[in-house]
Amino acid sequence: MHAVGLLFLLHRLIWLKSASAISLKAQIMYLLVFVTRYLDLLVPGGYIYNRVFKIYYILSTAIIVFLLWRSGHAPGWKSTYNREKDTFVATFIAIPSFVLAYALTPSGALEGSLHWIDVLQILWTFSIYMEAFVMLPQYIMFYRMTVERPDLYAFLIVFCLGGYRVLYMINWIMKFKMKGAYVSRYHVVS
């Protein structure tokens, strides 16, 4: 569902040349989430389809961030990205997410011997915590923009980008019911 939302967003930015009601800050935070979560791409192994999706998420989100950032300066664009309404302070999500990840991830950091595998685990946990709130700037931006003028296409994008979280929660509920006590504390906190 998120992959489809990214396709809709790319379509809107590239072919329709419109960044209306889309939050650059939310997309930058998604890029940070994907880069920190998918650092395992640097480790050999894994399923090819999984690696392809991880690369797709990182590259498509990086392209979206670039296009949103450039939208006000590129010829042919109607400067549809509204910086004045994209005012959410991303550090309110990023800093607490990192502090929680560092504090709650078991690692050698507390004993003074932090290894690269500990760093990967902390960054992965950070991405889980941050992703739980990464759509907040987008929801706020969407609300501010649609109060003035409703935009069905932007609603579809926001629904796809955020709606997969509902499916994600259903997945964890199903795993809990099927496997009994299978609960990840990282996912419970997020």
N, C-alpha and C. Protein backbone atom coordinates (compact mmCIF):
# COMPACT_ATOMS: atom_id res chain seq x y z
N MET A 1 0.82 -1.19 0.00
CA MET A 1 0.00 0.00 0.00
C MET A 1 0.88 1.26 0.00
N HIS A 2 1.95 1.23 0.78
CA HIS A 2 2.87 2.37 0.81
C HIS A 2 3.57 2.52 -0.54
N ALA A 3 3.93 1.39 -1.14
CA ALA A 3 4.60 1.42 -2.45
C ALA A 3 3.70 2.07 -3.50
N VAL A 4 2.41 1.78 -3.44
CA VAL A 4 1.44 2.38 -4.37
C VAL A 4 1.32 3.88 -4.10
N GLY A 5 1.30 4.26 -2.83
CA GLY A 5 1.26 5.67 -2.48
C GLY A 5 2.45 6.44 -3.02
N LEU A 6 3.63 5.80 -2.97
CA LEU A 6 4.83 6.43 -3.54
C LEU A 6 4.69 6.61 -5.04
N LEU A 7 4.10 5.62 -5.72
CA LEU A 7 3.88 5.74 -7.17
C LEU A 7 2.92 6.89 -7.48
N PHE A 8 1.82 6.99 -6.71
CA PHE A 8 0.89 8.11 -6.90
C PHE A 8 1.59 9.45 -6.68
N LEU A 9 2.41 9.51 -5.64
CA LEU A 9 3.10 10.75 -5.33
C LEU A 9 4.10 11.11 -6.43
N LEU A 10 4.84 10.13 -6.91
CA LEU A 10 5.77 10.39 -8.02
C LEU A 10 5.01 10.85 -9.26
N HIS A 11 3.87 10.23 -9.54
CA HIS A 11 3.04 10.65 -10.68
C HIS A 11 2.62 12.11 -10.53
N ARG A 12 2.18 12.45 -9.33
CA ARG A 12 1.73 13.82 -9.09
C ARG A 12 2.88 14.82 -9.28
N LEU A 13 4.05 14.47 -8.77
CA LEU A 13 5.18 15.39 -8.83
C LEU A 13 5.78 15.49 -10.24
N ILE A 14 5.91 14.36 -10.92
CA ILE A 14 6.61 14.35 -12.21
C ILE A 14 5.68 14.75 -13.36
N TRP A 15 4.51 14.12 -13.45
CA TRP A 15 3.65 14.36 -14.60
C TRP A 15 2.67 15.51 -14.38
N LEU A 16 2.13 15.63 -13.21
CA LEU A 16 1.19 16.70 -12.94
C LEU A 16 1.89 17.97 -12.46
N LYS A 17 3.16 17.85 -12.10
CA LYS A 17 3.97 18.98 -11.62
C LYS A 17 3.27 19.75 -10.50
N SER A 18 2.75 18.98 -9.54
CA SER A 18 2.04 19.59 -8.43
C SER A 18 2.54 18.99 -7.12
N ALA A 19 2.87 19.85 -6.18
CA ALA A 19 3.30 19.42 -4.85
C ALA A 19 2.30 19.88 -3.80
N SER A 20 1.12 20.24 -4.22
CA SER A 20 0.09 20.77 -3.32
C SER A 20 -0.29 19.74 -2.26
N ALA A 21 -0.36 20.19 -1.03
CA ALA A 21 -0.78 19.40 0.14
C ALA A 21 0.18 18.27 0.49
N ILE A 22 1.39 18.29 -0.03
CA ILE A 22 2.39 17.27 0.28
C ILE A 22 3.46 17.89 1.17
N SER A 23 3.79 17.21 2.27
CA SER A 23 4.75 17.72 3.23
C SER A 23 6.16 17.24 2.91
N LEU A 24 7.04 18.18 2.65
CA LEU A 24 8.45 17.86 2.44
C LEU A 24 9.06 17.28 3.71
N LYS A 25 8.68 17.81 4.85
CA LYS A 25 9.24 17.34 6.12
C LYS A 25 8.88 15.88 6.38
N ALA A 26 7.66 15.48 6.07
CA ALA A 26 7.27 14.08 6.24
C ALA A 26 8.09 13.18 5.32
N GLN A 27 8.34 13.63 4.11
CA GLN A 27 9.11 12.82 3.16
C GLN A 27 10.58 12.73 3.57
N ILE A 28 11.13 13.80 4.11
CA ILE A 28 12.52 13.75 4.61
C ILE A 28 12.60 12.76 5.77
N MET A 29 11.60 12.79 6.64
CA MET A 29 11.61 11.85 7.78
C MET A 29 11.44 10.42 7.30
N TYR A 30 10.59 10.20 6.27
CA TYR A 30 10.47 8.85 5.70
C TYR A 30 11.82 8.40 5.13
N LEU A 31 12.52 9.30 4.45
CA LEU A 31 13.83 8.94 3.91
C LEU A 31 14.77 8.52 5.03
N LEU A 32 14.76 9.26 6.12
CA LEU A 32 15.59 8.92 7.28
C LEU A 32 15.18 7.56 7.85
N VAL A 33 13.88 7.30 7.92
CA VAL A 33 13.38 6.01 8.41
C VAL A 33 13.89 4.88 7.52
N PHE A 34 13.74 5.02 6.21
CA PHE A 34 14.14 3.95 5.30
C PHE A 34 15.65 3.73 5.29
N VAL A 35 16.41 4.80 5.31
CA VAL A 35 17.88 4.65 5.30
C VAL A 35 18.36 3.97 6.58
N THR A 36 17.81 4.36 7.73
CA THR A 36 18.26 3.75 8.98
C THR A 36 17.73 2.33 9.16
N ARG A 37 16.57 2.04 8.62
CA ARG A 37 16.02 0.69 8.76
C ARG A 37 16.67 -0.30 7.80
N TYR A 38 17.02 0.16 6.63
CA TYR A 38 17.50 -0.76 5.60
C TYR A 38 19.02 -0.76 5.45
N LEU A 39 19.73 -0.46 6.52
CA LEU A 39 21.18 -0.56 6.51
C LEU A 39 21.65 -2.00 6.30
N ASP A 40 20.75 -2.96 6.52
CA ASP A 40 21.11 -4.35 6.28
C ASP A 40 21.33 -4.64 4.80
N LEU A 41 21.03 -3.67 3.93
CA LEU A 41 21.37 -3.82 2.51
C LEU A 41 22.87 -3.94 2.30
N LEU A 42 23.64 -3.41 3.25
CA LEU A 42 25.09 -3.47 3.17
C LEU A 42 25.64 -4.84 3.55
N VAL A 43 24.78 -5.68 4.14
CA VAL A 43 25.18 -7.02 4.56
C VAL A 43 24.74 -8.00 3.48
N PRO A 44 25.64 -8.86 3.01
CA PRO A 44 25.27 -9.81 1.97
C PRO A 44 24.18 -10.78 2.44
N GLY A 45 23.37 -11.23 1.49
CA GLY A 45 22.33 -12.21 1.80
C GLY A 45 20.95 -11.60 1.75
N GLY A 46 19.96 -12.40 2.05
CA GLY A 46 18.58 -11.94 2.04
C GLY A 46 17.89 -12.25 0.72
N TYR A 47 16.59 -12.13 0.73
CA TYR A 47 15.79 -12.39 -0.46
C TYR A 47 15.88 -11.23 -1.43
N ILE A 48 15.93 -11.55 -2.71
CA ILE A 48 16.07 -10.52 -3.74
C ILE A 48 14.87 -9.58 -3.75
N TYR A 49 13.64 -10.12 -3.67
CA TYR A 49 12.46 -9.25 -3.71
C TYR A 49 12.48 -8.26 -2.55
N ASN A 50 12.96 -8.70 -1.38
CA ASN A 50 13.04 -7.84 -0.21
C ASN A 50 14.05 -6.71 -0.44
N ARG A 51 15.18 -7.05 -1.02
CA ARG A 51 16.21 -6.05 -1.31
C ARG A 51 15.71 -5.04 -2.35
N VAL A 52 14.97 -5.54 -3.35
CA VAL A 52 14.42 -4.67 -4.39
C VAL A 52 13.45 -3.66 -3.77
N PHE A 53 12.56 -4.12 -2.89
CA PHE A 53 11.62 -3.21 -2.24
C PHE A 53 12.34 -2.19 -1.38
N LYS A 54 13.35 -2.62 -0.65
CA LYS A 54 14.10 -1.68 0.19
C LYS A 54 14.77 -0.60 -0.65
N ILE A 55 15.37 -1.01 -1.75
CA ILE A 55 16.03 -0.04 -2.64
C ILE A 55 14.98 0.88 -3.27
N TYR A 56 13.83 0.31 -3.64
CA TYR A 56 12.74 1.12 -4.21
C TYR A 56 12.27 2.18 -3.22
N TYR A 57 12.07 1.80 -1.97
CA TYR A 57 11.62 2.76 -0.97
C TYR A 57 12.64 3.88 -0.78
N ILE A 58 13.91 3.53 -0.68
CA ILE A 58 14.93 4.55 -0.48
C ILE A 58 15.04 5.47 -1.69
N LEU A 59 15.16 4.90 -2.89
CA LEU A 59 15.35 5.72 -4.10
C LEU A 59 14.12 6.56 -4.41
N SER A 60 12.93 5.97 -4.34
CA SER A 60 11.73 6.74 -4.68
C SER A 60 11.52 7.88 -3.68
N THR A 61 11.77 7.62 -2.42
CA THR A 61 11.61 8.67 -1.41
C THR A 61 12.66 9.75 -1.60
N ALA A 62 13.88 9.37 -1.95
CA ALA A 62 14.93 10.37 -2.22
C ALA A 62 14.55 11.23 -3.43
N ILE A 63 13.98 10.63 -4.46
CA ILE A 63 13.54 11.39 -5.64
C ILE A 63 12.41 12.33 -5.25
N ILE A 64 11.48 11.86 -4.44
CA ILE A 64 10.36 12.69 -3.98
C ILE A 64 10.87 13.89 -3.18
N VAL A 65 11.82 13.65 -2.28
CA VAL A 65 12.40 14.74 -1.49
C VAL A 65 13.05 15.76 -2.41
N PHE A 66 13.82 15.29 -3.38
CA PHE A 66 14.48 16.19 -4.32
C PHE A 66 13.46 17.00 -5.11
N LEU A 67 12.42 16.34 -5.62
CA LEU A 67 11.42 17.04 -6.42
C LEU A 67 10.64 18.06 -5.60
N LEU A 68 10.31 17.70 -4.36
CA LEU A 68 9.61 18.66 -3.50
C LEU A 68 10.50 19.85 -3.17
N TRP A 69 11.75 19.57 -2.87
CA TRP A 69 12.70 20.64 -2.54
C TRP A 69 12.88 21.58 -3.73
N ARG A 70 12.94 20.99 -4.94
CA ARG A 70 13.19 21.74 -6.15
C ARG A 70 11.93 22.37 -6.74
N SER A 71 10.76 21.97 -6.27
CA SER A 71 9.50 22.35 -6.92
C SER A 71 9.30 23.86 -7.05
N GLY A 72 9.76 24.61 -6.10
CA GLY A 72 9.58 26.06 -6.17
C GLY A 72 10.54 26.75 -7.11
N HIS A 73 11.55 26.04 -7.59
CA HIS A 73 12.60 26.68 -8.38
C HIS A 73 12.65 26.17 -9.82
N ALA A 74 11.97 25.08 -10.13
CA ALA A 74 12.08 24.47 -11.45
C ALA A 74 11.15 25.13 -12.45
N PRO A 75 11.60 25.26 -13.71
CA PRO A 75 10.72 25.82 -14.73
C PRO A 75 9.54 24.87 -14.99
N GLY A 76 8.37 25.42 -15.21
CA GLY A 76 7.19 24.62 -15.48
C GLY A 76 6.39 24.26 -14.24
N TRP A 77 6.99 24.48 -13.08
CA TRP A 77 6.28 24.19 -11.83
C TRP A 77 5.57 25.45 -11.38
N LYS A 78 4.43 25.27 -10.81
CA LYS A 78 3.64 26.41 -10.35
C LYS A 78 3.90 26.68 -8.88
N SER A 79 5.05 26.36 -8.38
CA SER A 79 5.38 26.58 -6.97
C SER A 79 4.23 26.16 -6.06
N THR A 80 3.80 24.92 -6.23
CA THR A 80 2.62 24.43 -5.51
C THR A 80 2.96 23.94 -4.11
N TYR A 81 4.23 23.75 -3.80
CA TYR A 81 4.60 23.35 -2.44
C TYR A 81 4.51 24.58 -1.55
N ASN A 82 3.75 24.48 -0.48
CA ASN A 82 3.50 25.61 0.40
C ASN A 82 4.33 25.48 1.67
N ARG A 83 5.49 26.11 1.68
CA ARG A 83 6.40 26.04 2.83
C ARG A 83 5.78 26.64 4.09
N GLU A 84 4.94 27.63 3.94
CA GLU A 84 4.34 28.30 5.09
C GLU A 84 3.40 27.38 5.87
N LYS A 85 2.87 26.37 5.21
CA LYS A 85 1.93 25.46 5.90
C LYS A 85 2.60 24.16 6.33
N ASP A 86 3.83 23.96 5.91
CA ASP A 86 4.60 22.77 6.30
C ASP A 86 5.53 23.17 7.45
N THR A 87 4.93 23.43 8.61
CA THR A 87 5.67 24.04 9.71
C THR A 87 6.00 23.10 10.86
N PHE A 88 5.65 21.85 10.74
CA PHE A 88 5.90 20.91 11.84
C PHE A 88 7.41 20.82 12.10
N VAL A 89 7.82 20.82 13.36
CA VAL A 89 9.23 20.74 13.72
C VAL A 89 9.61 19.26 13.85
N ALA A 90 10.33 18.77 12.86
CA ALA A 90 10.66 17.34 12.77
C ALA A 90 11.52 16.85 13.92
N THR A 91 12.28 17.72 14.53
CA THR A 91 13.12 17.30 15.65
C THR A 91 12.29 16.85 16.85
N PHE A 92 11.03 17.28 16.92
CA PHE A 92 10.14 16.82 18.00
C PHE A 92 9.85 15.32 17.89
N ILE A 93 10.05 14.77 16.71
CA ILE A 93 9.88 13.33 16.50
C ILE A 93 11.24 12.63 16.51
N ALA A 94 12.20 13.20 15.81
CA ALA A 94 13.48 12.52 15.62
C ALA A 94 14.27 12.36 16.92
N ILE A 95 14.40 13.40 17.70
CA ILE A 95 15.22 13.33 18.92
C ILE A 95 14.64 12.36 19.95
N PRO A 96 13.34 12.46 20.30
CA PRO A 96 12.80 11.48 21.25
C PRO A 96 12.87 10.04 20.72
N SER A 97 12.69 9.86 19.41
CA SER A 97 12.78 8.52 18.83
C SER A 97 14.18 7.95 19.00
N PHE A 98 15.19 8.78 18.77
CA PHE A 98 16.56 8.30 18.92
C PHE A 98 16.89 8.02 20.39
N VAL A 99 16.47 8.90 21.27
CA VAL A 99 16.73 8.70 22.71
C VAL A 99 16.07 7.41 23.18
N LEU A 100 14.82 7.18 22.78
CA LEU A 100 14.14 5.94 23.14
C LEU A 100 14.86 4.72 22.58
N ALA A 101 15.26 4.81 21.31
CA ALA A 101 15.95 3.68 20.68
C ALA A 101 17.26 3.38 21.39
N TYR A 102 18.00 4.41 21.73
CA TYR A 102 19.28 4.22 22.41
C TYR A 102 19.07 3.64 23.81
N ALA A 103 18.05 4.14 24.49
CA ALA A 103 17.82 3.71 25.87
C ALA A 103 17.21 2.31 25.96
N LEU A 104 16.37 1.95 25.00
CA LEU A 104 15.63 0.69 25.11
C LEU A 104 16.21 -0.46 24.30
N THR A 105 17.19 -0.19 23.46
CA THR A 105 17.80 -1.26 22.68
C THR A 105 18.93 -1.89 23.47
N PRO A 106 18.85 -3.20 23.69
CA PRO A 106 19.95 -3.84 24.42
C PRO A 106 21.22 -3.81 23.57
N SER A 107 22.28 -3.25 24.13
CA SER A 107 23.55 -3.17 23.40
C SER A 107 24.68 -3.03 24.41
N GLY A 108 25.87 -3.03 23.88
CA GLY A 108 27.04 -2.85 24.73
C GLY A 108 27.32 -1.40 25.05
N ALA A 109 26.43 -0.50 24.60
CA ALA A 109 26.67 0.93 24.79
C ALA A 109 26.73 1.31 26.26
N LEU A 110 25.92 0.67 27.06
CA LEU A 110 25.91 1.01 28.48
C LEU A 110 27.16 0.52 29.19
N GLU A 111 27.77 -0.54 28.67
CA GLU A 111 29.02 -1.03 29.26
C GLU A 111 30.24 -0.34 28.66
N GLY A 112 30.03 0.51 27.67
CA GLY A 112 31.14 1.24 27.05
C GLY A 112 31.75 0.52 25.87
N SER A 113 31.13 -0.53 25.37
CA SER A 113 31.68 -1.25 24.22
C SER A 113 30.62 -1.38 23.13
N LEU A 114 30.42 -0.32 22.37
CA LEU A 114 29.42 -0.29 21.31
C LEU A 114 30.02 -0.88 20.04
N HIS A 115 29.40 -1.93 19.51
CA HIS A 115 29.87 -2.58 18.29
C HIS A 115 28.97 -2.17 17.12
N TRP A 116 29.41 -2.43 15.89
CA TRP A 116 28.65 -2.02 14.71
C TRP A 116 27.28 -2.69 14.69
N ILE A 117 27.17 -3.91 15.18
CA ILE A 117 25.87 -4.58 15.20
C ILE A 117 24.92 -3.87 16.17
N ASP A 118 25.46 -3.33 17.26
CA ASP A 118 24.66 -2.54 18.20
C ASP A 118 24.15 -1.27 17.53
N VAL A 119 25.02 -0.63 16.75
CA VAL A 119 24.63 0.59 16.04
C VAL A 119 23.51 0.29 15.05
N LEU A 120 23.63 -0.81 14.31
CA LEU A 120 22.56 -1.20 13.37
C LEU A 120 21.25 -1.45 14.11
N GLN A 121 21.32 -2.11 15.25
CA GLN A 121 20.11 -2.39 16.03
C GLN A 121 19.48 -1.12 16.57
N ILE A 122 20.30 -0.20 17.05
CA ILE A 122 19.79 1.08 17.56
C ILE A 122 19.14 1.87 16.43
N LEU A 123 19.78 1.92 15.26
CA LEU A 123 19.22 2.66 14.14
C LEU A 123 17.94 2.01 13.63
N TRP A 124 17.88 0.68 13.62
CA TRP A 124 16.66 -0.01 13.22
C TRP A 124 15.52 0.32 14.19
N THR A 125 15.82 0.28 15.48
CA THR A 125 14.81 0.59 16.50
C THR A 125 14.37 2.04 16.37
N PHE A 126 15.32 2.94 16.13
CA PHE A 126 15.01 4.35 15.90
C PHE A 126 14.02 4.49 14.74
N SER A 127 14.23 3.75 13.67
CA SER A 127 13.34 3.84 12.51
C SER A 127 11.93 3.37 12.84
N ILE A 128 11.83 2.35 13.68
CA ILE A 128 10.51 1.84 14.09
C ILE A 128 9.77 2.91 14.90
N TYR A 129 10.46 3.52 15.87
CA TYR A 129 9.82 4.54 16.71
C TYR A 129 9.47 5.78 15.89
N MET A 130 10.37 6.20 15.02
CA MET A 130 10.13 7.41 14.25
C MET A 130 9.00 7.20 13.24
N GLU A 131 8.92 6.02 12.67
CA GLU A 131 7.88 5.78 11.67
C GLU A 131 6.48 5.87 12.27
N ALA A 132 6.36 5.60 13.55
CA ALA A 132 5.05 5.69 14.19
C ALA A 132 4.48 7.11 14.13
N PHE A 133 5.33 8.11 14.01
CA PHE A 133 4.88 9.50 14.01
C PHE A 133 5.24 10.27 12.75
N VAL A 134 5.85 9.62 11.80
CA VAL A 134 6.38 10.31 10.63
C VAL A 134 5.30 10.96 9.76
N MET A 135 4.08 10.46 9.84
CA MET A 135 3.00 11.04 9.02
C MET A 135 2.36 12.28 9.66
N LEU A 136 2.71 12.59 10.89
CA LEU A 136 2.13 13.77 11.55
C LEU A 136 2.28 15.06 10.73
N PRO A 137 3.48 15.38 10.23
CA PRO A 137 3.59 16.61 9.42
C PRO A 137 2.71 16.55 8.18
N GLN A 138 2.57 15.34 7.60
CA GLN A 138 1.74 15.21 6.41
C GLN A 138 0.27 15.42 6.73
N TYR A 139 -0.19 14.85 7.85
CA TYR A 139 -1.59 15.04 8.24
C TYR A 139 -1.89 16.50 8.52
N ILE A 140 -0.97 17.16 9.20
CA ILE A 140 -1.17 18.59 9.51
C ILE A 140 -1.19 19.41 8.23
N MET A 141 -0.24 19.14 7.33
CA MET A 141 -0.17 19.86 6.05
C MET A 141 -1.43 19.60 5.23
N PHE A 142 -1.85 18.35 5.18
CA PHE A 142 -3.05 18.00 4.41
C PHE A 142 -4.27 18.71 4.97
N TYR A 143 -4.40 18.73 6.28
CA TYR A 143 -5.53 19.41 6.91
C TYR A 143 -5.52 20.91 6.58
N ARG A 144 -4.37 21.52 6.70
CA ARG A 144 -4.27 22.97 6.44
C ARG A 144 -4.59 23.30 4.98
N MET A 145 -4.16 22.43 4.08
CA MET A 145 -4.38 22.71 2.65
C MET A 145 -5.81 22.41 2.22
N THR A 146 -6.40 21.35 2.76
CA THR A 146 -7.73 20.96 2.31
C THR A 146 -8.85 21.76 2.97
N VAL A 147 -8.54 22.46 4.04
CA VAL A 147 -9.54 23.35 4.63
C VAL A 147 -9.88 24.44 3.61
N GLU A 148 -8.86 24.89 2.90
CA GLU A 148 -9.06 25.93 1.89
C GLU A 148 -9.67 25.35 0.61
N ARG A 149 -9.10 24.20 0.16
CA ARG A 149 -9.53 23.62 -1.11
C ARG A 149 -9.32 22.11 -1.07
N PRO A 150 -10.38 21.33 -1.01
CA PRO A 150 -10.24 19.87 -0.97
C PRO A 150 -9.53 19.32 -2.20
N ASP A 151 -8.70 18.32 -2.00
CA ASP A 151 -7.91 17.74 -3.07
C ASP A 151 -7.99 16.22 -2.95
N LEU A 152 -8.79 15.59 -3.80
CA LEU A 152 -9.02 14.15 -3.73
C LEU A 152 -7.76 13.35 -4.03
N TYR A 153 -6.97 13.82 -4.99
CA TYR A 153 -5.74 13.10 -5.34
C TYR A 153 -4.75 13.12 -4.17
N ALA A 154 -4.64 14.26 -3.50
CA ALA A 154 -3.77 14.35 -2.32
C ALA A 154 -4.30 13.44 -1.21
N PHE A 155 -5.63 13.36 -1.06
CA PHE A 155 -6.21 12.46 -0.07
C PHE A 155 -5.83 11.02 -0.38
N LEU A 156 -5.89 10.61 -1.64
CA LEU A 156 -5.53 9.25 -2.04
C LEU A 156 -4.07 8.95 -1.69
N ILE A 157 -3.19 9.91 -1.92
CA ILE A 157 -1.77 9.73 -1.61
C ILE A 157 -1.58 9.58 -0.10
N VAL A 158 -2.19 10.47 0.66
CA VAL A 158 -2.07 10.43 2.13
C VAL A 158 -2.66 9.13 2.67
N PHE A 159 -3.79 8.70 2.11
CA PHE A 159 -4.42 7.45 2.53
C PHE A 159 -3.49 6.27 2.29
N CYS A 160 -2.87 6.21 1.13
CA CYS A 160 -1.96 5.09 0.82
C CYS A 160 -0.68 5.15 1.66
N LEU A 161 -0.11 6.34 1.82
CA LEU A 161 1.13 6.46 2.58
C LEU A 161 0.92 6.15 4.06
N GLY A 162 -0.22 6.53 4.61
CA GLY A 162 -0.47 6.30 6.03
C GLY A 162 -1.31 5.07 6.32
N GLY A 163 -2.11 4.66 5.35
CA GLY A 163 -3.03 3.55 5.55
C GLY A 163 -2.36 2.21 5.77
N TYR A 164 -1.16 2.05 5.25
CA TYR A 164 -0.48 0.77 5.45
C TYR A 164 -0.16 0.53 6.92
N ARG A 165 -0.11 1.61 7.71
CA ARG A 165 0.14 1.44 9.15
C ARG A 165 -0.99 0.66 9.80
N VAL A 166 -2.22 0.87 9.33
CA VAL A 166 -3.36 0.12 9.84
C VAL A 166 -3.17 -1.36 9.52
N LEU A 167 -2.75 -1.64 8.28
CA LEU A 167 -2.49 -3.03 7.89
C LEU A 167 -1.33 -3.61 8.70
N TYR A 168 -0.37 -2.80 9.02
CA TYR A 168 0.77 -3.20 9.83
C TYR A 168 0.30 -3.62 11.23
N MET A 169 -0.61 -2.82 11.82
CA MET A 169 -1.14 -3.16 13.14
C MET A 169 -1.95 -4.45 13.09
N ILE A 170 -2.75 -4.62 12.05
CA ILE A 170 -3.52 -5.86 11.90
C ILE A 170 -2.58 -7.05 11.80
N ASN A 171 -1.48 -6.88 11.08
CA ASN A 171 -0.46 -7.94 10.96
C ASN A 171 0.07 -8.34 12.33
N TRP A 172 0.38 -7.37 13.18
CA TRP A 172 0.91 -7.68 14.51
C TRP A 172 -0.14 -8.32 15.41
N ILE A 173 -1.39 -7.89 15.27
CA ILE A 173 -2.47 -8.51 16.05
C ILE A 173 -2.64 -9.97 15.62
N MET A 174 -2.61 -10.21 14.31
CA MET A 174 -2.74 -11.59 13.80
C MET A 174 -1.57 -12.45 14.27
N LYS A 175 -0.36 -11.92 14.23
CA LYS A 175 0.81 -12.68 14.70
C LYS A 175 0.66 -13.01 16.19
N PHE A 176 0.18 -12.05 16.95
CA PHE A 176 -0.01 -12.28 18.38
C PHE A 176 -1.04 -13.37 18.63
N LYS A 177 -2.15 -13.34 17.88
CA LYS A 177 -3.19 -14.35 18.06
C LYS A 177 -2.73 -15.72 17.59
N MET A 178 -1.96 -15.77 16.50
CA MET A 178 -1.56 -17.06 15.94
C MET A 178 -0.37 -17.67 16.67
N LYS A 179 0.56 -16.83 17.10
CA LYS A 179 1.78 -17.35 17.71
C LYS A 179 1.80 -17.18 19.22
N GLY A 180 0.72 -16.73 19.77
CA GLY A 180 0.67 -16.59 21.23
C GLY A 180 1.41 -15.37 21.71
N ALA A 181 2.48 -15.58 22.43
CA ALA A 181 3.17 -14.48 23.11
C ALA A 181 4.21 -13.80 22.22
N TYR A 182 4.03 -13.84 20.91
CA TYR A 182 4.97 -13.19 20.00
C TYR A 182 4.71 -11.69 20.00
N VAL A 183 5.44 -10.96 20.81
CA VAL A 183 5.28 -9.52 20.89
C VAL A 183 6.67 -8.89 20.89
N SER A 184 6.91 -7.99 19.98
CA SER A 184 8.16 -7.25 19.94
C SER A 184 7.99 -5.97 20.74
N ARG A 185 8.84 -5.76 21.70
CA ARG A 185 8.68 -4.54 22.53
C ARG A 185 8.89 -3.28 21.71
N TYR A 186 9.68 -3.38 20.64
CA TYR A 186 9.89 -2.22 19.78
C TYR A 186 8.59 -1.81 19.12
N HIS A 187 7.79 -2.78 18.67
CA HIS A 187 6.55 -2.48 18.00
C HIS A 187 5.45 -2.08 18.98
N VAL A 188 5.50 -2.60 20.17
CA VAL A 188 4.50 -2.22 21.17
C VAL A 188 4.69 -0.76 21.54
N VAL A 189 5.93 -0.33 21.74
CA VAL A 189 6.21 1.06 22.10
C VAL A 189 5.80 1.99 20.97
N SER A 190 6.07 1.57 19.73
CA SER A 190 5.72 2.44 18.59
C SER A 190 4.26 2.32 18.26
